[in-house]
């Protein structure tokens, strides 16, 4: 039986840092959407992050891979992990609060565990993980509200859009581990963002028109944060954690970033959340703690990985 992937102390530190960075991406994206469309917002996110990462690649003396097959993998990963989820999240944020978007985004961990269990022998779905998945599903249903599930309006569609993004992220996590985790994090992140940029430039141009660069300083500040920090720097951490801990454990970041996103949304945008939203997040949090298993092992007196 294959040894199971676990979270080391270093991986946990990187995961927490990634959560702090990504927690601010929901706010910065929402600010940018006041002036630009969702496809253009995604184009900016991929383009500038890609340029900065390739500059770093060349500055450090690394060479871009020459394999056509690997570039095809970059393109697929770019669509799965950038193009589709970034768009689903951005469109969803036009109609729901940034903090609520983060709550639904935490369901990525549930999808991630299930898909990783199907694909990888060392991330199999145990009874404990199954219980965690059930809690996650209940948490999402609670946050959405049972009445919402039977209604089709912009708000409910926006929530479903964010959930589609979580499925894409989970698929991307498993695909990335299978096809790209052997690469240096910098090369994997730069290649993936190149694939997504090649898709987003013509797509944004065709649907939303020629991108304008005459934007407010506030908008450029938001773009700079979510493209350079929350995408470029974040994906270096992403691929490093992926290699150490596996795709299922990596998806736990979506739990940690929720409090950051909620706090920023409240302080900067004045967002208010319903009791069911926070209750749903609480149930999802319990599910993700069960999925992680460290607390369960500690309560049973078993050693914890460091």
Protein backbone atom coordinates (compact mmCIF):
# COMPACT_ATOMS: atom_id res chain seq x y z
CA UNK A 1 0.00 0.00 0.00
CA UNK A 2 1.38 3.44 -0.94
CA UNK A 3 2.41 5.70 1.98
CA UNK A 4 -0.08 8.52 2.38
CA UNK A 5 0.82 12.17 1.74
CA UNK A 6 0.83 14.35 4.87
CA UNK A 7 1.49 17.96 5.87
CA UNK A 8 4.93 18.78 7.28
CA UNK A 9 5.64 21.86 9.37
CA UNK A 10 7.20 23.62 6.38
CA UNK A 11 4.19 22.77 4.20
CA UNK A 12 1.85 24.17 6.88
CA UNK A 13 3.84 27.44 7.04
CA UNK A 14 3.67 27.78 3.26
CA UNK A 15 -0.05 26.93 3.29
CA UNK A 16 -0.81 29.65 5.87
CA UNK A 17 1.23 32.20 3.91
CA UNK A 18 -0.62 31.23 0.72
CA UNK A 19 -3.96 31.65 2.53
CA UNK A 20 -3.03 35.17 3.68
CA UNK A 21 -2.07 36.12 0.12
CA UNK A 22 -5.10 34.57 -1.56
CA UNK A 23 -7.46 35.94 1.09
CA UNK A 24 -6.81 39.43 -0.27
CA UNK A 25 -7.41 38.40 -3.87
CA UNK A 26 -11.21 38.40 -3.46
CA UNK A 27 -11.22 42.03 -2.32
CA UNK A 28 -8.78 43.20 -5.01
CA UNK A 29 -10.74 41.41 -7.74
CA UNK A 30 -14.00 42.99 -6.57
CA UNK A 31 -12.39 46.45 -6.66
CA UNK A 32 -11.10 45.90 -10.22
CA UNK A 33 -14.55 44.74 -11.39
CA UNK A 34 -15.91 48.22 -10.70
CA UNK A 35 -14.08 49.39 -13.83
CA UNK A 36 -13.29 46.36 -16.00
CA UNK A 37 -15.18 43.25 -17.10
CA UNK A 38 -14.58 39.79 -15.61
CA UNK A 39 -12.76 38.42 -18.68
CA UNK A 40 -10.50 41.47 -18.85
CA UNK A 41 -9.83 41.12 -15.12
CA UNK A 42 -8.73 37.52 -15.67
CA UNK A 43 -6.58 38.54 -18.65
CA UNK A 44 -4.72 41.08 -16.50
CA UNK A 45 -4.30 38.51 -13.73
CA UNK A 46 -2.64 35.99 -16.03
CA UNK A 47 -0.67 38.37 -18.26
CA UNK A 48 1.27 40.38 -15.69
CA UNK A 49 1.96 37.39 -13.48
CA UNK A 50 3.27 35.48 -16.50
CA UNK A 51 5.64 38.29 -17.55
CA UNK A 52 7.10 38.69 -14.06
CA UNK A 53 7.65 34.95 -13.61
CA UNK A 54 9.43 34.57 -16.95
CA UNK A 55 11.68 37.51 -16.06
CA UNK A 56 12.57 35.68 -12.86
CA UNK A 57 13.13 32.44 -14.82
CA UNK A 58 15.60 34.15 -17.17
CA UNK A 59 17.28 36.08 -14.34
CA UNK A 60 17.95 32.86 -12.45
CA UNK A 61 19.47 31.17 -15.50
CA UNK A 62 16.71 28.60 -15.97
CA UNK A 63 15.55 27.61 -19.44
CA UNK A 64 11.96 27.27 -20.64
CA UNK A 65 11.12 23.63 -21.43
CA UNK A 66 11.31 22.64 -25.09
CA UNK A 67 8.92 19.65 -25.06
CA UNK A 68 5.73 20.32 -27.11
CA UNK A 69 3.90 17.78 -24.94
CA UNK A 70 4.83 19.73 -21.80
CA UNK A 71 3.56 22.96 -23.34
CA UNK A 72 0.28 21.21 -24.08
CA UNK A 73 0.13 20.26 -20.37
CA UNK A 74 0.74 23.92 -19.49
CA UNK A 75 -2.16 24.94 -21.72
CA UNK A 76 -4.54 22.40 -20.17
CA UNK A 77 -3.43 23.34 -16.66
CA UNK A 78 -3.87 27.03 -17.50
CA UNK A 79 -7.46 26.47 -18.58
CA UNK A 80 -8.31 24.23 -15.60
CA UNK A 81 -6.57 26.23 -12.90
CA UNK A 82 -6.73 29.81 -14.21
CA UNK A 83 -9.04 30.57 -17.12
CA UNK A 84 -12.19 28.77 -15.94
CA UNK A 85 -12.00 29.26 -12.15
CA UNK A 86 -10.78 32.87 -12.36
CA UNK A 87 -13.72 33.71 -14.64
CA UNK A 88 -16.29 31.82 -12.55
CA UNK A 89 -15.06 33.60 -9.41
CA UNK A 90 -14.94 37.04 -11.02
CA UNK A 91 -18.42 36.73 -12.54
CA UNK A 92 -19.78 35.38 -9.27
CA UNK A 93 -18.36 38.36 -7.36
CA UNK A 94 -20.40 40.72 -9.50
CA UNK A 95 -23.50 39.42 -7.72
CA UNK A 96 -22.39 38.12 -4.29
CA UNK A 97 -20.10 39.41 -1.55
CA UNK A 98 -16.35 38.74 -1.69
CA UNK A 99 -16.42 37.03 1.70
CA UNK A 100 -19.28 34.76 0.65
CA UNK A 101 -17.30 33.93 -2.48
CA UNK A 102 -14.44 32.83 -0.24
CA UNK A 103 -16.80 30.67 1.84
CA UNK A 104 -17.99 28.78 -1.23
CA UNK A 105 -14.44 28.65 -2.54
CA UNK A 106 -13.50 26.62 0.56
CA UNK A 107 -15.49 23.73 -0.97
CA UNK A 108 -12.47 23.29 -3.25
CA UNK A 109 -10.95 21.16 -0.52
CA UNK A 110 -13.89 18.77 -0.61
CA UNK A 111 -13.75 18.35 -4.39
CA UNK A 112 -9.96 18.15 -4.15
CA UNK A 113 -10.01 15.26 -1.69
CA UNK A 114 -12.57 13.30 -3.71
CA UNK A 115 -10.83 13.75 -7.06
CA UNK A 116 -7.36 13.08 -5.60
CA UNK A 117 -8.72 9.87 -4.04
CA UNK A 118 -9.95 8.73 -7.44
CA UNK A 119 -6.67 9.53 -9.20
CA UNK A 120 -3.88 8.80 -6.69
CA UNK A 121 -3.25 5.68 -4.60
CA UNK A 122 -1.51 7.69 -1.86
CA UNK A 123 -4.52 10.01 -1.37
CA UNK A 124 -7.23 7.37 -1.05
CA UNK A 125 -10.67 8.23 0.38
CA UNK A 126 -10.81 6.82 3.90
CA UNK A 127 -13.85 6.72 6.20
CA UNK A 128 -12.55 9.85 7.96
CA UNK A 129 -12.23 11.72 4.68
CA UNK A 130 -15.72 10.56 3.68
CA UNK A 131 -17.16 12.08 6.86
CA UNK A 132 -15.31 15.31 6.10
CA UNK A 133 -16.80 15.41 2.60
CA UNK A 134 -20.32 15.00 4.02
CA UNK A 135 -19.75 17.92 6.40
CA UNK A 136 -18.49 20.00 3.47
CA UNK A 137 -21.61 19.34 1.39
CA UNK A 138 -23.87 20.19 4.34
CA UNK A 139 -21.93 23.38 4.94
CA UNK A 140 -22.35 24.58 1.37
CA UNK A 141 -26.08 23.76 1.43
CA UNK A 142 -26.44 25.70 4.70
CA UNK A 143 -24.58 28.74 3.39
CA UNK A 144 -26.64 28.80 0.18
CA UNK A 145 -29.92 28.31 2.04
CA UNK A 146 -32.33 25.53 1.21
CA UNK A 147 -34.72 28.02 -0.39
CA UNK A 148 -31.98 29.24 -2.73
CA UNK A 149 -31.49 25.75 -4.09
CA UNK A 150 -34.94 25.89 -5.67
CA UNK A 151 -34.60 29.40 -7.09
CA UNK A 152 -32.84 30.46 -10.25
CA UNK A 153 -31.77 34.11 -10.08
CA UNK A 154 -28.53 36.04 -10.51
CA UNK A 155 -27.54 35.50 -6.89
CA UNK A 156 -28.08 31.74 -6.93
CA UNK A 157 -26.38 31.44 -10.33
CA UNK A 158 -23.43 33.43 -8.95
CA UNK A 159 -23.11 31.00 -6.05
CA UNK A 160 -23.22 28.05 -8.46
CA UNK A 161 -20.60 29.80 -10.59
CA UNK A 162 -18.23 29.95 -7.62
CA UNK A 163 -18.86 26.26 -6.93
CA UNK A 164 -17.95 25.51 -10.56
CA UNK A 165 -14.68 27.33 -9.91
CA UNK A 166 -13.97 25.04 -6.95
CA UNK A 167 -14.44 21.97 -9.14
CA UNK A 168 -12.01 23.41 -11.68
CA UNK A 169 -9.44 24.10 -8.98
CA UNK A 170 -9.75 20.56 -7.66
CA UNK A 171 -9.33 19.08 -11.14
CA UNK A 172 -6.37 21.39 -11.71
CA UNK A 173 -4.75 20.30 -8.46
CA UNK A 174 -4.84 16.64 -9.41
CA UNK A 175 -3.82 17.32 -13.01
CA UNK A 176 -0.93 19.48 -11.82
CA UNK A 177 0.32 16.81 -9.46
CA UNK A 178 0.12 14.14 -12.16
CA UNK A 179 1.71 16.13 -14.98
CA UNK A 180 3.70 19.07 -13.59
CA UNK A 181 4.78 18.39 -9.99
CA UNK A 182 8.18 17.08 -11.18
CA UNK A 183 9.06 20.55 -12.51
CA UNK A 184 10.64 23.40 -10.54
CA UNK A 185 7.76 25.51 -9.07
CA UNK A 186 8.90 28.59 -11.00
CA UNK A 187 8.82 26.81 -14.39
CA UNK A 188 5.49 25.11 -13.65
CA UNK A 189 3.84 28.38 -12.60
CA UNK A 190 5.25 30.40 -15.51
CA UNK A 191 4.29 27.74 -18.06
CA UNK A 192 0.76 27.40 -16.69
CA UNK A 193 0.22 31.17 -16.75
CA UNK A 194 1.55 31.30 -20.32
CA UNK A 195 -1.08 28.78 -21.36
CA UNK A 196 -3.87 30.72 -19.66
CA UNK A 197 -2.66 34.06 -21.09
CA UNK A 198 -2.68 32.67 -24.64
CA UNK A 199 -6.36 31.80 -24.10
CA UNK A 200 -7.41 34.96 -22.23
CA UNK A 201 -6.04 37.70 -24.49
CA UNK A 202 -8.10 36.80 -27.60
CA UNK A 203 -11.09 35.74 -25.49
CA UNK A 204 -11.29 38.99 -23.49
CA UNK A 205 -10.66 41.05 -26.62
CA UNK A 206 -13.44 39.29 -28.58
CA UNK A 207 -16.07 39.40 -25.83
CA UNK A 208 -15.38 42.63 -23.92
CA UNK A 209 -13.56 44.69 -26.55
CA UNK A 210 -10.09 46.20 -26.69
CA UNK A 211 -8.72 46.39 -23.14
CA UNK A 212 -8.27 49.92 -21.84
CA UNK A 213 -5.10 50.80 -19.95
CA UNK A 214 -6.48 54.19 -18.92
CA UNK A 215 -7.65 52.94 -15.54
CA UNK A 216 -7.94 54.53 -12.12
CA UNK A 217 -5.01 54.16 -9.73
CA UNK A 218 -7.27 52.16 -7.40
CA UNK A 219 -7.98 49.68 -10.21
CA UNK A 220 -4.31 49.35 -11.15
CA UNK A 221 -3.45 48.78 -7.49
CA UNK A 222 -6.00 45.98 -7.32
CA UNK A 223 -4.70 44.45 -10.56
CA UNK A 224 -1.12 44.65 -9.31
CA UNK A 225 -2.01 42.81 -6.12
CA UNK A 226 -4.09 40.02 -7.58
CA UNK A 227 -1.78 39.45 -10.57
CA UNK A 228 1.73 39.88 -9.16
CA UNK A 229 1.25 38.82 -5.53
CA UNK A 230 -1.91 36.67 -5.45
CA UNK A 231 -1.03 34.91 -8.71
CA UNK A 232 2.70 35.13 -9.49
CA UNK A 233 4.10 34.73 -5.97
CA UNK A 234 1.18 32.56 -4.84
CA UNK A 235 1.72 29.95 -7.53
CA UNK A 236 5.36 29.51 -6.52
CA UNK A 237 4.04 28.50 -3.10
CA UNK A 238 1.26 26.45 -4.72
CA UNK A 239 3.59 24.15 -6.67
CA UNK A 240 6.01 23.85 -3.75
CA UNK A 241 3.19 22.64 -1.45
CA UNK A 242 1.81 20.40 -4.20
CA UNK A 243 5.12 18.53 -4.45
CA UNK A 244 5.48 18.18 -0.65
CA UNK A 245 1.94 17.37 0.48
CA UNK A 246 -0.22 16.33 -2.50
CA UNK A 247 -3.23 17.92 -4.15
CA UNK A 248 -5.77 16.96 -1.48
CA UNK A 249 -3.80 18.58 1.35
CA UNK A 250 -3.07 21.63 -0.81
CA UNK A 251 -6.80 22.33 -1.15
CA UNK A 252 -6.99 22.94 2.63
CA UNK A 253 -5.76 26.47 1.87
CA UNK A 254 -9.32 27.36 0.85
CA UNK A 255 -10.41 26.99 4.48
CA UNK A 256 -7.66 29.18 5.89
CA UNK A 257 -8.24 32.08 3.50
CA UNK A 258 -11.93 32.52 4.37
CA UNK A 259 -11.48 34.57 7.60
CA UNK A 260 -9.03 36.87 5.78
CA UNK A 261 -11.46 37.47 2.91
CA UNK A 262 -14.44 38.03 5.24
CA UNK A 263 -12.55 40.53 7.39
CA UNK A 264 -11.24 42.51 4.41
CA UNK A 265 -14.67 42.52 2.74
CA UNK A 266 -16.26 43.87 5.92
CA UNK A 267 -13.61 46.53 6.64
CA UNK A 268 -13.12 47.83 3.08
CA UNK A 269 -16.43 47.16 1.31
CA UNK A 270 -18.79 47.14 4.30
CA UNK A 271 -20.07 43.66 3.45
CA UNK A 272 -22.53 42.08 5.88
CA UNK A 273 -23.06 38.35 6.17
CA UNK A 274 -26.15 36.41 7.15
CA UNK A 275 -26.08 33.95 10.03
CA UNK A 276 -26.50 31.05 7.62
CA UNK A 277 -23.37 32.12 5.72
CA UNK A 278 -21.19 31.95 8.82
CA UNK A 279 -22.95 28.78 10.03
CA UNK A 280 -22.26 27.16 6.67
CA UNK A 281 -18.61 28.15 6.89
CA UNK A 282 -18.46 26.68 10.40
CA UNK A 283 -19.77 23.33 9.14
CA UNK A 284 -17.34 23.37 6.21
CA UNK A 285 -14.52 24.17 8.65
CA UNK A 286 -15.41 21.14 10.77
CA UNK A 287 -15.40 19.01 7.63
CA UNK A 288 -11.97 20.26 6.58
CA UNK A 289 -10.53 19.67 10.04
CA UNK A 290 -11.79 16.09 9.79
CA UNK A 291 -10.35 15.80 6.27
CA UNK A 292 -6.95 16.98 7.47
CA UNK A 293 -6.95 14.42 10.30
CA UNK A 294 -4.25 16.03 12.46
CA UNK A 295 -6.69 16.99 15.22
CA UNK A 296 -8.24 13.51 15.14
CA UNK A 297 -4.79 11.90 15.49
CA UNK A 298 -3.88 14.27 18.32
CA UNK A 299 -7.07 13.41 20.24
CA UNK A 300 -6.25 9.73 19.82
CA UNK A 301 -2.75 10.30 21.17
CA UNK A 302 -1.04 9.47 17.87
CA UNK A 303 2.08 11.31 16.64
CA UNK A 304 1.61 14.39 14.45
CA UNK A 305 3.78 14.94 11.35
CA UNK A 306 6.14 17.90 11.61
